[in-house]
Amino acid sequence: MDRLLTLEFVRVTEAAAVRAGRLMGKGNKEGSDQLAVDGMHAILAGVPIDGTVVIGEGEMDEAPMLYIGEKVGAGGTPVDIAVDPLEGTNLTAKGQDGSIAVIAIAGKGNLLHAPDMYMEKLCVGPRAKGRIDLTQPVTENLRRIAEGLERSIDDITVVILDRERHQDMINQCREAGARIKLITDGDVSPAVDIGIEGSGVHVLMGIGGAPEGVLAAAALKCLGGDMQARLLPATDEEYNRCVAMGITDVKRILTLDDLVKGDDCIFSATAITNTPLLRGIQYFGGGARTMSVVMRYKSGTIRVIDTFHRFERDSKWSIHL
């Protein structure tokens, strides 16, 4: 992929975030999600790629835009695209930290076509790369991770979604001495955080959405981190959907390179509300200020971009609510 595409994808997540942020704190999660989809779709249409959405807003009959299989772009390099125009709809609706607009891009056939179901995940940053094993107990993984980080387990902070299904995992982490950061929604943003030294969090574990798992994997690949995952189909229909999408060994442990193949991928995220790395959108008379992170695996670059937008100069931002 042309490195110049990197900034094009930042524009895509900026557009989604700026539009969705208009409804921040207003309790309208469906409305903010639709605004994010509209903004992302509009900018993607002009990007010089021949893109196929492999992870999006749902099947064709479920979503009018950014549906799985939709062709996007103005023509050019063939790529697969994974999107979450608004990760953290509840967070945006409540004005809470952690909501972002996200896109990941890789060469044709290089992103796992993850079905919309649960996935077990274990994610770490670069210093713990190669030390995790999803088949091992929580305490053993914490020991290995701590060894890689050259610190004790009680100096590790684990991010886990605050769900009843995770209570046993939470108890095991606490008994081992680790600190816990419970989150209410959205596990892509914390996956980025654990890949960056000094963020204050070191491990992401637990069960969340499979599509979000692929987005997290793209970020971690660019950051030099590591991830293992396992799909968890709950019904025969979900199992059959895995097989139909080419995942024949559903119980297999998926590595980072299974989730995101190839030697190049790009990940971009723009904050809607504050994250540990990025400041949320700030609106001012006639414009807005955004912060984004964009990464490219091939070049090893990680850029944090602070942007001022003047709406009257660009009609793509003009939206009236």
C-alpha atoms as a PDB file:
ATOM      1  CA  MET A   1       0.000   0.000   0.000  1.00  0.00           C
ATOM      2  CA  ASP A   2       1.152   3.512  -0.773  1.00  0.00           C
ATOM      3  CA  ARG A   3       2.300   5.213   2.421  1.00  0.00           C
ATOM      4  CA  LEU A   4       0.416   8.339   1.330  1.00  0.00           C
ATOM      5  CA  LEU A   5      -2.826   6.443   2.003  1.00  0.00           C
ATOM      6  CA  THR A   6      -2.074   6.672   5.715  1.00  0.00           C
ATOM      7  CA  LEU A   7      -3.282  10.260   5.993  1.00  0.00           C
ATOM      8  CA  GLU A   8      -6.306   9.459   3.830  1.00  0.00           C
ATOM      9  CA  PHE A   9      -7.444   6.939   6.440  1.00  0.00           C
ATOM     10  CA  VAL A  10      -6.940   9.488   9.213  1.00  0.00           C
ATOM     11  CA  ARG A  11      -9.385  11.726   7.355  1.00  0.00           C
ATOM     12  CA  VAL A  12     -11.850   8.829   7.346  1.00  0.00           C
ATOM     13  CA  THR A  13     -11.818   8.350  11.127  1.00  0.00           C
ATOM     14  CA  GLU A  14     -11.769  12.115  11.731  1.00  0.00           C
ATOM     15  CA  ALA A  15     -14.959  12.531   9.708  1.00  0.00           C
ATOM     16  CA  ALA A  16     -16.716   9.756  11.626  1.00  0.00           C
ATOM     17  CA  ALA A  17     -15.610  11.150  14.982  1.00  0.00           C
ATOM     18  CA  VAL A  18     -16.465  14.792  14.279  1.00  0.00           C
ATOM     19  CA  ARG A  19     -19.981  13.903  13.204  1.00  0.00           C
ATOM     20  CA  ALA A  20     -20.678  11.398  16.000  1.00  0.00           C
ATOM     21  CA  GLY A  21     -19.278  13.749  18.629  1.00  0.00           C
ATOM     22  CA  ARG A  22     -22.098  16.199  17.977  1.00  0.00           C
ATOM     23  CA  LEU A  23     -24.349  13.882  19.984  1.00  0.00           C
ATOM     24  CA  MET A  24     -21.861  13.175  22.779  1.00  0.00           C
ATOM     25  CA  GLY A  25     -23.663  12.953  26.115  1.00  0.00           C
ATOM     26  CA  LYS A  26     -27.131  13.308  24.594  1.00  0.00           C
ATOM     27  CA  GLY A  27     -28.208   9.716  25.206  1.00  0.00           C
ATOM     28  CA  ASN A  28     -28.763   8.946  21.524  1.00  0.00           C
ATOM     29  CA  LYS A  29     -26.466   6.029  20.743  1.00  0.00           C
ATOM     30  CA  GLU A  30     -28.286   5.055  17.534  1.00  0.00           C
ATOM     31  CA  GLY A  31     -28.127   8.614  16.238  1.00  0.00           C
ATOM     32  CA  SER A  32     -24.447   9.060  17.007  1.00  0.00           C
ATOM     33  CA  ASP A  33     -23.622   5.713  15.410  1.00  0.00           C
ATOM     34  CA  GLN A  34     -25.470   6.676  12.236  1.00  0.00           C
ATOM     35  CA  LEU A  35     -23.635   9.993  12.054  1.00  0.00           C
ATOM     36  CA  ALA A  36     -20.320   8.153  12.387  1.00  0.00           C
ATOM     37  CA  VAL A  37     -21.284   5.759   9.590  1.00  0.00           C
ATOM     38  CA  ASP A  38     -22.328   8.655   7.342  1.00  0.00           C
ATOM     39  CA  GLY A  39     -19.088  10.522   7.930  1.00  0.00           C
ATOM     40  CA  MET A  40     -16.844   7.513   7.402  1.00  0.00           C
ATOM     41  CA  HIS A  41     -18.691   6.354   4.291  1.00  0.00           C
ATOM     42  CA  ALA A  42     -18.564   9.792   2.663  1.00  0.00           C
ATOM     43  CA  ILE A  43     -14.787  10.138   2.952  1.00  0.00           C
ATOM     44  CA  LEU A  44     -14.021   6.515   2.047  1.00  0.00           C
ATOM     45  CA  ALA A  45     -15.790   7.047  -1.269  1.00  0.00           C
ATOM     46  CA  GLY A  46     -13.009   9.378  -2.388  1.00  0.00           C
ATOM     47  CA  VAL A  47      -9.990   7.396  -1.168  1.00  0.00           C
ATOM     48  CA  PRO A  48      -7.918   5.946  -4.072  1.00  0.00           C
ATOM     49  CA  ILE A  49      -8.430   2.270  -3.194  1.00  0.00           C
ATOM     50  CA  ASP A  50     -10.443  -0.687  -4.425  1.00  0.00           C
ATOM     51  CA  GLY A  51     -11.736  -1.596  -0.978  1.00  0.00           C
ATOM     52  CA  THR A  52     -13.971  -4.371   0.297  1.00  0.00           C
ATOM     53  CA  VAL A  53     -15.553  -4.112   3.745  1.00  0.00           C
ATOM     54  CA  VAL A  54     -14.905  -7.438   5.496  1.00  0.00           C
ATOM     55  CA  ILE A  55     -15.855  -6.244   8.985  1.00  0.00           C
ATOM     56  CA  GLY A  56     -18.511  -3.576   9.160  1.00  0.00           C
ATOM     57  CA  GLU A  57     -21.963  -2.628  10.323  1.00  0.00           C
ATOM     58  CA  GLY A  58     -23.540  -5.984   9.510  1.00  0.00           C
ATOM     59  CA  GLU A  59     -24.809  -7.925   6.510  1.00  0.00           C
ATOM     60  CA  MET A  60     -26.190  -6.165   3.450  1.00  0.00           C
ATOM     61  CA  ASP A  61     -29.796  -6.560   4.626  1.00  0.00           C
ATOM     62  CA  GLU A  62     -28.897  -5.230   8.091  1.00  0.00           C
ATOM     63  CA  ALA A  63     -26.991  -2.062   7.172  1.00  0.00           C
ATOM     64  CA  PRO A  64     -27.437   0.400   4.292  1.00  0.00           C
ATOM     65  CA  MET A  65     -23.765   1.486   4.411  1.00  0.00           C
ATOM     66  CA  LEU A  66     -20.439  -0.083   5.374  1.00  0.00           C
ATOM     67  CA  TYR A  67     -22.055  -3.511   5.229  1.00  0.00           C
ATOM     68  CA  ILE A  68     -19.948  -6.651   4.877  1.00  0.00           C
ATOM     69  CA  GLY A  69     -19.012  -7.098   1.239  1.00  0.00           C
ATOM     70  CA  GLU A  70     -19.597  -3.480   0.242  1.00  0.00           C
ATOM     71  CA  LYS A  71     -17.154  -2.044  -2.274  1.00  0.00           C
ATOM     72  CA  VAL A  72     -15.741   1.336  -1.270  1.00  0.00           C
ATOM     73  CA  GLY A  73     -13.163   3.755  -2.618  1.00  0.00           C
ATOM     74  CA  ALA A  74     -12.474   5.594  -5.852  1.00  0.00           C
ATOM     75  CA  GLY A  75     -10.410   2.793  -7.393  1.00  0.00           C
ATOM     76  CA  GLY A  76      -6.802   1.778  -6.891  1.00  0.00           C
ATOM     77  CA  THR A  77      -5.006  -0.659  -4.616  1.00  0.00           C
ATOM     78  CA  PRO A  78      -7.142  -3.734  -3.727  1.00  0.00           C
ATOM     79  CA  VAL A  79      -7.551  -3.851   0.070  1.00  0.00           C
ATOM     80  CA  ASP A  80      -9.712  -5.376   2.780  1.00  0.00           C
ATOM     81  CA  ILE A  81     -11.215  -2.981   5.296  1.00  0.00           C
ATOM     82  CA  ALA A  82     -12.431  -3.456   8.869  1.00  0.00           C
ATOM     83  CA  VAL A  83     -14.392  -0.599  10.393  1.00  0.00           C
ATOM     84  CA  ASP A  84     -16.080   0.395  13.587  1.00  0.00           C
ATOM     85  CA  PRO A  85     -17.305   3.926  12.895  1.00  0.00           C
ATOM     86  CA  LEU A  86     -18.230   4.333  16.565  1.00  0.00           C
ATOM     87  CA  GLU A  87     -16.650   1.954  19.040  1.00  0.00           C
ATOM     88  CA  GLY A  88     -18.357   2.732  22.304  1.00  0.00           C
ATOM     89  CA  THR A  89     -21.859   3.869  21.381  1.00  0.00           C
ATOM     90  CA  ASN A  90     -22.909   3.754  25.034  1.00  0.00           C
ATOM     91  CA  LEU A  91     -19.789   5.689  26.045  1.00  0.00           C
ATOM     92  CA  THR A  92     -20.586   8.431  23.536  1.00  0.00           C
ATOM     93  CA  ALA A  93     -24.242   8.553  24.560  1.00  0.00           C
ATOM     94  CA  LYS A  94     -23.242   8.968  28.217  1.00  0.00           C
ATOM     95  CA  GLY A  95     -20.290  11.272  27.588  1.00  0.00           C
ATOM     96  CA  GLN A  96     -17.861   8.783  29.109  1.00  0.00           C
ATOM     97  CA  ASP A  97     -14.222   8.227  28.203  1.00  0.00           C
ATOM     98  CA  GLY A  98     -13.073   5.634  25.688  1.00  0.00           C
ATOM     99  CA  SER A  99     -15.137   6.071  22.510  1.00  0.00           C
ATOM    100  CA  ILE A 100     -13.278   6.138  19.191  1.00  0.00           C
ATOM    101  CA  ALA A 101     -13.810   5.877  15.432  1.00  0.00           C
ATOM    102  CA  VAL A 102     -11.655   3.067  13.996  1.00  0.00           C
ATOM    103  CA  ILE A 103     -10.519   1.630  10.678  1.00  0.00           C
ATOM    104  CA  ALA A 104      -7.990  -1.068   9.771  1.00  0.00           C
ATOM    105  CA  ILE A 105      -6.747  -1.800   6.268  1.00  0.00           C
ATOM    106  CA  ALA A 106      -4.693  -4.669   4.867  1.00  0.00           C
ATOM    107  CA  GLY A 107      -4.025  -6.310   1.530  1.00  0.00           C
ATOM    108  CA  LYS A 108      -6.747  -8.342  -0.143  1.00  0.00           C
ATOM    109  CA  GLY A 109      -7.475 -11.485   1.881  1.00  0.00           C
ATOM    110  CA  ASN A 110      -5.260 -10.488   4.811  1.00  0.00           C
ATOM    111  CA  LEU A 111      -7.894  -9.639   7.438  1.00  0.00           C
ATOM    112  CA  LEU A 112      -9.748 -12.470   9.173  1.00  0.00           C
ATOM    113  CA  HIS A 113     -13.409 -12.359   8.163  1.00  0.00           C
ATOM    114  CA  ALA A 114     -14.542 -12.627  11.767  1.00  0.00           C
ATOM    115  CA  PRO A 115     -18.234 -13.400  12.233  1.00  0.00           C
ATOM    116  CA  ASP A 116     -20.285 -11.240  14.588  1.00  0.00           C
ATOM    117  CA  MET A 117     -19.980 -13.406  17.693  1.00  0.00           C
ATOM    118  CA  TYR A 118     -17.922 -13.631  20.873  1.00  0.00           C
ATOM    119  CA  MET A 119     -14.176 -14.107  20.891  1.00  0.00           C
ATOM    120  CA  GLU A 120     -11.829 -14.905  23.767  1.00  0.00           C
ATOM    121  CA  LYS A 121      -8.822 -12.560  23.681  1.00  0.00           C
ATOM    122  CA  LEU A 122      -5.431 -12.172  25.324  1.00  0.00           C
ATOM    123  CA  CYS A 123      -3.464  -9.071  24.284  1.00  0.00           C
ATOM    124  CA  VAL A 124      -0.098  -7.655  25.360  1.00  0.00           C
ATOM    125  CA  GLY A 125       2.425  -5.059  24.264  1.00  0.00           C
ATOM    126  CA  PRO A 126       5.862  -5.523  22.649  1.00  0.00           C
ATOM    127  CA  ARG A 127       7.811  -6.460  25.796  1.00  0.00           C
ATOM    128  CA  ALA A 128       5.572  -9.463  26.452  1.00  0.00           C
ATOM    129  CA  LYS A 129       5.452 -10.611  22.826  1.00  0.00           C
ATOM    130  CA  GLY A 130       5.810 -14.384  22.461  1.00  0.00           C
ATOM    131  CA  ARG A 131       5.042 -15.075  26.128  1.00  0.00           C
ATOM    132  CA  ILE A 132       1.270 -15.526  26.088  1.00  0.00           C
ATOM    133  CA  ASP A 133      -0.637 -18.792  25.713  1.00  0.00           C
ATOM    134  CA  LEU A 134      -4.429 -18.796  25.737  1.00  0.00           C
ATOM    135  CA  THR A 135      -4.451 -22.490  26.709  1.00  0.00           C
ATOM    136  CA  GLN A 136      -2.669 -21.728  30.003  1.00  0.00           C
ATOM    137  CA  PRO A 137      -4.299 -20.520  33.255  1.00  0.00           C
ATOM    138  CA  VAL A 138      -4.643 -16.813  33.964  1.00  0.00           C
ATOM    139  CA  THR A 139      -2.002 -16.912  36.694  1.00  0.00           C
ATOM    140  CA  GLU A 140       0.575 -18.574  34.405  1.00  0.00           C
ATOM    141  CA  ASN A 141       0.044 -15.950  31.719  1.00  0.00           C
ATOM    142  CA  LEU A 142       0.401 -13.182  34.290  1.00  0.00           C
ATOM    143  CA  ARG A 143       3.666 -14.723  35.489  1.00  0.00           C
ATOM    144  CA  ARG A 144       5.052 -14.892  31.956  1.00  0.00           C
ATOM    145  CA  ILE A 145       3.916 -11.361  31.132  1.00  0.00           C
ATOM    146  CA  ALA A 146       5.427  -9.981  34.323  1.00  0.00           C
ATOM    147  CA  GLU A 147       8.712 -11.679  33.469  1.00  0.00           C
ATOM    148  CA  GLY A 148       8.737 -10.023  30.051  1.00  0.00           C
ATOM    149  CA  LEU A 149       7.943  -6.636  31.542  1.00  0.00           C
ATOM    150  CA  GLU A 150      10.647  -7.122  34.189  1.00  0.00           C
ATOM    151  CA  ARG A 151       8.253  -6.344  37.006  1.00  0.00           C
ATOM    152  CA  SER A 152       6.238  -8.239  39.566  1.00  0.00           C
ATOM    153  CA  ILE A 153       2.640  -9.303  38.993  1.00  0.00           C
ATOM    154  CA  ASP A 154       1.423  -6.739  41.499  1.00  0.00           C
ATOM    155  CA  ASP A 155       2.849  -4.046  39.208  1.00  0.00           C
ATOM    156  CA  ILE A 156       0.687  -5.205  36.284  1.00  0.00           C
ATOM    157  CA  THR A 157      -2.698  -3.689  35.400  1.00  0.00           C
ATOM    158  CA  VAL A 158      -5.138  -5.914  33.521  1.00  0.00           C
ATOM    159  CA  VAL A 159      -8.009  -4.470  31.471  1.00  0.00           C
ATOM    160  CA  ILE A 160     -11.201  -6.562  31.529  1.00  0.00           C
ATOM    161  CA  LEU A 161     -14.751  -5.840  30.389  1.00  0.00           C
ATOM    162  CA  ASP A 162     -17.009  -5.558  33.437  1.00  0.00           C
ATOM    163  CA  ARG A 163     -19.255  -8.524  32.740  1.00  0.00           C
ATOM    164  CA  GLU A 164     -20.584 -11.355  34.901  1.00  0.00           C
ATOM    165  CA  ARG A 165     -18.887 -13.889  32.630  1.00  0.00           C
ATOM    166  CA  HIS A 166     -15.507 -12.522  33.702  1.00  0.00           C
ATOM    167  CA  GLN A 167     -15.941 -12.794  37.470  1.00  0.00           C
ATOM    168  CA  ASP A 168     -13.788 -15.904  37.803  1.00  0.00           C
ATOM    169  CA  MET A 169     -11.045 -14.313  35.677  1.00  0.00           C
ATOM    170  CA  ILE A 170     -11.206 -11.143  37.780  1.00  0.00           C
ATOM    171  CA  ASN A 171     -10.890 -13.178  40.968  1.00  0.00           C
ATOM    172  CA  GLN A 172      -7.869 -15.056  39.596  1.00  0.00           C
ATOM    173  CA  CYS A 173      -6.131 -11.817  38.631  1.00  0.00           C
ATOM    174  CA  ARG A 174      -6.722 -10.342  42.058  1.00  0.00           C
ATOM    175  CA  GLU A 175      -5.560 -13.467  43.839  1.00  0.00           C
ATOM    176  CA  ALA A 176      -2.362 -13.384  41.770  1.00  0.00           C
ATOM    177  CA  GLY A 177      -1.819  -9.791  42.893  1.00  0.00           C
ATOM    178  CA  ALA A 178      -2.539  -7.929  39.652  1.00  0.00           C
ATOM    179  CA  ARG A 179      -4.419  -4.665  39.514  1.00  0.00           C
ATOM    180  CA  ILE A 180      -7.648  -4.568  37.503  1.00  0.00           C
ATOM    181  CA  LYS A 181      -9.126  -1.845  35.322  1.00  0.00           C
ATOM    182  CA  LEU A 182     -12.747  -2.707  34.577  1.00  0.00           C
ATOM    183  CA  ILE A 183     -14.259  -1.124  31.480  1.00  0.00           C
ATOM    184  CA  THR A 184     -17.936  -0.902  30.609  1.00  0.00           C
ATOM    185  CA  ASP A 185     -17.659  -0.974  26.811  1.00  0.00           C
ATOM    186  CA  GLY A 186     -15.186  -0.967  23.935  1.00  0.00           C
ATOM    187  CA  ASP A 187     -12.030  -3.087  24.029  1.00  0.00           C
ATOM    188  CA  VAL A 188     -10.250  -1.759  20.910  1.00  0.00           C
ATOM    189  CA  SER A 189      -9.077   1.445  22.582  1.00  0.00           C
ATOM    190  CA  PRO A 190      -7.523  -0.440  25.552  1.00  0.00           C
ATOM    191  CA  ALA A 191      -5.790  -2.781  23.091  1.00  0.00           C
ATOM    192  CA  VAL A 192      -4.036   0.271  21.660  1.00  0.00           C
ATOM    193  CA  ASP A 193      -3.162   1.486  25.146  1.00  0.00           C
ATOM    194  CA  ILE A 194      -1.480  -1.744  26.228  1.00  0.00           C
ATOM    195  CA  GLY A 195       0.781  -1.579  23.182  1.00  0.00           C
ATOM    196  CA  ILE A 196       2.180   1.798  24.202  1.00  0.00           C
ATOM    197  CA  GLU A 197       4.773   2.085  26.944  1.00  0.00           C
ATOM    198  CA  GLY A 198       3.694   4.314  29.801  1.00  0.00           C
ATOM    199  CA  SER A 199      -0.057   4.021  29.240  1.00  0.00           C
ATOM    200  CA  GLY A 200      -0.507   2.445  32.683  1.00  0.00           C
ATOM    201  CA  VAL A 201      -2.135  -0.762  31.407  1.00  0.00           C
ATOM    202  CA  HIS A 202      -0.333  -3.941  30.382  1.00  0.00           C
ATOM    203  CA  VAL A 203      -2.768  -6.744  29.502  1.00  0.00           C
ATOM    204  CA  LEU A 204      -6.216  -7.028  27.930  1.00  0.00           C
ATOM    205  CA  MET A 205      -8.037 -10.288  28.518  1.00  0.00           C
ATOM    206  CA  GLY A 206     -11.528 -11.684  28.411  1.00  0.00           C
ATOM    207  CA  ILE A 207     -14.421 -12.268  26.030  1.00  0.00           C
ATOM    208  CA  GLY A 208     -15.630  -9.581  23.650  1.00  0.00           C
ATOM    209  CA  GLY A 209     -16.750  -9.134  20.072  1.00  0.00           C
ATOM    210  CA  ALA A 210     -14.859 -10.989  17.339  1.00  0.00           C
ATOM    211  CA  PRO A 211     -14.964  -8.100  14.823  1.00  0.00           C
ATOM    212  CA  GLU A 212     -13.408  -5.811  17.445  1.00  0.00           C
ATOM    213  CA  GLY A 213     -10.774  -8.494  17.972  1.00  0.00           C
ATOM    214  CA  VAL A 214      -9.554  -8.112  14.387  1.00  0.00           C
ATOM    215  CA  LEU A 215      -9.358  -4.321  14.769  1.00  0.00           C
ATOM    216  CA  ALA A 216      -7.376  -4.772  17.993  1.00  0.00           C
ATOM    217  CA  ALA A 217      -5.069  -7.235  16.234  1.00  0.00           C
ATOM    218  CA  ALA A 218      -4.303  -4.711  13.484  1.00  0.00           C
ATOM    219  CA  ALA A 219      -3.327  -2.124  16.090  1.00  0.00           C
ATOM    220  CA  LEU A 220      -1.179  -4.569  18.045  1.00  0.00           C
ATOM    221  CA  LYS A 221       0.571  -5.791  14.898  1.00  0.00           C
ATOM    222  CA  CYS A 222       1.540  -2.213  14.056  1.00  0.00           C
ATOM    223  CA  LEU A 223       2.653  -1.604  17.658  1.00  0.00           C
ATOM    224  CA  GLY A 224       4.792  -4.751  17.824  1.00  0.00           C
ATOM    225  CA  GLY A 225       2.553  -6.346  20.438  1.00  0.00           C
ATOM    226  CA  ASP A 226       1.003  -9.799  20.556  1.00  0.00           C
ATOM    227  CA  MET A 227      -2.428 -11.384  20.689  1.00  0.00           C
ATOM    228  CA  GLN A 228      -4.063 -14.777  20.832  1.00  0.00           C
ATOM    229  CA  ALA A 229      -7.763 -15.370  20.311  1.00  0.00           C
ATOM    230  CA  ARG A 230     -10.380 -18.081  20.022  1.00  0.00           C
ATOM    231  CA  LEU A 231     -13.842 -17.842  18.490  1.00  0.00           C
ATOM    232  CA  LEU A 232     -16.741 -18.838  20.740  1.00  0.00           C
ATOM    233  CA  PRO A 233     -19.794 -19.714  18.638  1.00  0.00           C
ATOM    234  CA  ALA A 234     -22.789 -20.075  20.936  1.00  0.00           C
ATOM    235  CA  THR A 235     -25.211 -21.738  18.507  1.00  0.00           C
ATOM    236  CA  ASP A 236     -25.153 -24.088  15.515  1.00  0.00           C
ATOM    237  CA  GLU A 237     -25.996 -21.094  13.343  1.00  0.00           C
ATOM    238  CA  GLU A 238     -22.904 -19.228  14.552  1.00  0.00           C
ATOM    239  CA  TYR A 239     -20.767 -22.334  14.079  1.00  0.00           C
ATOM    240  CA  ASN A 240     -22.018 -22.786  10.529  1.00  0.00           C
ATOM    241  CA  ARG A 241     -21.358 -19.128   9.820  1.00  0.00           C
ATOM    242  CA  CYS A 242     -17.717 -19.579  10.829  1.00  0.00           C
ATOM    243  CA  VAL A 243     -17.384 -22.472   8.403  1.00  0.00           C
ATOM    244  CA  ALA A 244     -19.107 -20.494   5.647  1.00  0.00           C
ATOM    245  CA  MET A 245     -16.581 -17.679   6.127  1.00  0.00           C
ATOM    246  CA  GLY A 246     -13.675 -20.094   5.731  1.00  0.00           C
ATOM    247  CA  ILE A 247     -12.930 -20.816   9.408  1.00  0.00           C
ATOM    248  CA  THR A 248     -13.112 -24.616   9.434  1.00  0.00           C
ATOM    249  CA  ASP A 249     -11.302 -25.277  12.738  1.00  0.00           C
ATOM    250  CA  VAL A 250     -13.423 -23.040  14.944  1.00  0.00           C
ATOM    251  CA  LYS A 251     -11.737 -24.087  18.210  1.00  0.00           C
ATOM    252  CA  ARG A 252      -8.218 -23.311  16.975  1.00  0.00           C
ATOM    253  CA  ILE A 253      -6.153 -20.710  18.824  1.00  0.00           C
ATOM    254  CA  LEU A 254      -5.716 -17.767  16.465  1.00  0.00           C
ATOM    255  CA  THR A 255      -2.412 -15.906  16.529  1.00  0.00           C
ATOM    256  CA  LEU A 256      -1.798 -12.310  15.578  1.00  0.00           C
ATOM    257  CA  ASP A 257      -0.705 -13.409  12.106  1.00  0.00           C
ATOM    258  CA  ASP A 258      -3.896 -15.448  11.694  1.00  0.00           C
ATOM    259  CA  LEU A 259      -5.969 -12.369  12.469  1.00  0.00           C
ATOM    260  CA  VAL A 260      -3.959  -9.975  10.312  1.00  0.00           C
ATOM    261  CA  LYS A 261      -1.775 -11.560   7.632  1.00  0.00           C
ATOM    262  CA  GLY A 262       0.811 -10.080   5.326  1.00  0.00           C
ATOM    263  CA  ASP A 263       3.593  -7.550   5.643  1.00  0.00           C
ATOM    264  CA  ASP A 264       1.539  -4.368   5.626  1.00  0.00           C
ATOM    265  CA  CYS A 265      -1.500  -2.992   7.417  1.00  0.00           C
ATOM    266  CA  ILE A 266      -2.672   0.420   8.545  1.00  0.00           C
ATOM    267  CA  PHE A 267      -4.681   1.273  11.648  1.00  0.00           C
ATOM    268  CA  SER A 268      -6.285   4.642  12.366  1.00  0.00           C
ATOM    269  CA  ALA A 269      -8.381   5.774  15.318  1.00  0.00           C
ATOM    270  CA  THR A 270      -9.777   9.189  16.234  1.00  0.00           C
ATOM    271  CA  ALA A 271     -10.969   9.875  19.764  1.00  0.00           C
ATOM    272  CA  ILE A 272     -14.537  11.032  20.279  1.00  0.00           C
ATOM    273  CA  THR A 273     -14.210  11.140  24.061  1.00  0.00           C
ATOM    274  CA  ASN A 274     -10.937  11.079  25.987  1.00  0.00           C
ATOM    275  CA  THR A 275      -8.688   8.023  25.996  1.00  0.00           C
ATOM    276  CA  PRO A 276      -5.373   7.589  27.865  1.00  0.00           C
ATOM    277  CA  LEU A 277      -3.545   8.388  24.611  1.00  0.00           C
ATOM    278  CA  LEU A 278      -5.864  10.839  22.865  1.00  0.00           C
ATOM    279  CA  ARG A 279      -7.961  13.844  23.823  1.00  0.00           C
ATOM    280  CA  GLY A 280     -11.588  13.766  22.748  1.00  0.00           C
ATOM    281  CA  ILE A 281     -13.126  16.148  20.215  1.00  0.00           C
ATOM    282  CA  GLN A 282     -13.305  19.806  21.121  1.00  0.00           C
ATOM    283  CA  TYR A 283     -15.729  21.990  19.183  1.00  0.00           C
ATOM    284  CA  PHE A 284     -15.327  25.725  18.761  1.00  0.00           C
ATOM    285  CA  GLY A 285     -17.067  28.392  16.694  1.00  0.00           C
ATOM    286  CA  GLY A 286     -16.828  27.232  13.105  1.00  0.00           C
ATOM    287  CA  GLY A 287     -14.676  24.196  13.705  1.00  0.00           C
ATOM    288  CA  ALA A 288     -13.343  21.381  15.844  1.00  0.00           C
ATOM    289  CA  ARG A 289     -10.070  19.921  17.104  1.00  0.00           C
ATOM    290  CA  THR A 290      -9.394  16.188  16.880  1.00  0.00           C
ATOM    291  CA  MET A 291      -6.650  13.842  18.016  1.00  0.00           C
ATOM    292  CA  SER A 292      -5.908  10.640  16.129  1.00  0.00           C
ATOM    293  CA  VAL A 293      -3.369   7.843  16.163  1.00  0.00           C
ATOM    294  CA  VAL A 294      -2.358   6.245  12.874  1.00  0.00           C
ATOM    295  CA  MET A 295       0.064   3.334  12.518  1.00  0.00           C
ATOM    296  CA  ARG A 296       1.611   1.437   9.638  1.00  0.00           C
ATOM    297  CA  TYR A 297       3.132  -1.985  10.152  1.00  0.00           C
ATOM    298  CA  LYS A 298       5.493  -1.938   7.165  1.00  0.00           C
ATOM    299  CA  SER A 299       7.266   1.273   8.175  1.00  0.00           C
ATOM    300  CA  GLY A 300       6.890   0.810  11.937  1.00  0.00           C
ATOM    301  CA  THR A 301       5.586   4.359  12.300  1.00  0.00           C
ATOM    302  CA  ILE A 302       3.125   5.462  14.958  1.00  0.00           C
ATOM    303  CA  ARG A 303       1.859   9.010  14.590  1.00  0.00           C
ATOM    304  CA  VAL A 304      -0.363  10.996  16.926  1.00  0.00           C
ATOM    305  CA  ILE A 305      -2.040  13.733  14.902  1.00  0.00           C
ATOM    306  CA  ASP A 306      -3.563  16.865  16.414  1.00  0.00           C
ATOM    307  CA  THR A 307      -5.826  18.512  13.819  1.00  0.00           C
ATOM    308  CA  PHE A 308      -7.875  21.696  13.632  1.00  0.00           C
ATOM    309  CA  HIS A 309     -10.829  21.619  11.224  1.00  0.00           C
ATOM    310  CA  ARG A 310     -12.544  24.730   9.865  1.00  0.00           C
ATOM    311  CA  PHE A 311     -16.012  23.666   8.805  1.00  0.00           C
ATOM    312  CA  GLU A 312     -16.851  26.573   6.497  1.00  0.00           C
ATOM    313  CA  ARG A 313     -13.901  25.644   4.251  1.00  0.00           C
ATOM    314  CA  ASP A 314     -14.997  22.059   3.746  1.00  0.00           C
ATOM    315  CA  SER A 315     -18.598  21.020   3.229  1.00  0.00           C
ATOM    316  CA  LYS A 316     -17.913  17.445   4.346  1.00  0.00           C
ATOM    317  CA  TRP A 317     -18.049  18.626   7.955  1.00  0.00           C
ATOM    318  CA  SER A 318     -21.264  20.626   7.530  1.00  0.00           C
ATOM    319  CA  ILE A 319     -23.973  18.850   9.439  1.00  0.00           C
ATOM    320  CA  HIS A 320     -27.032  20.281  11.085  1.00  0.00           C
ATOM    321  CA  LEU A 321     -28.738  18.497  13.949  1.00  0.00           C
END
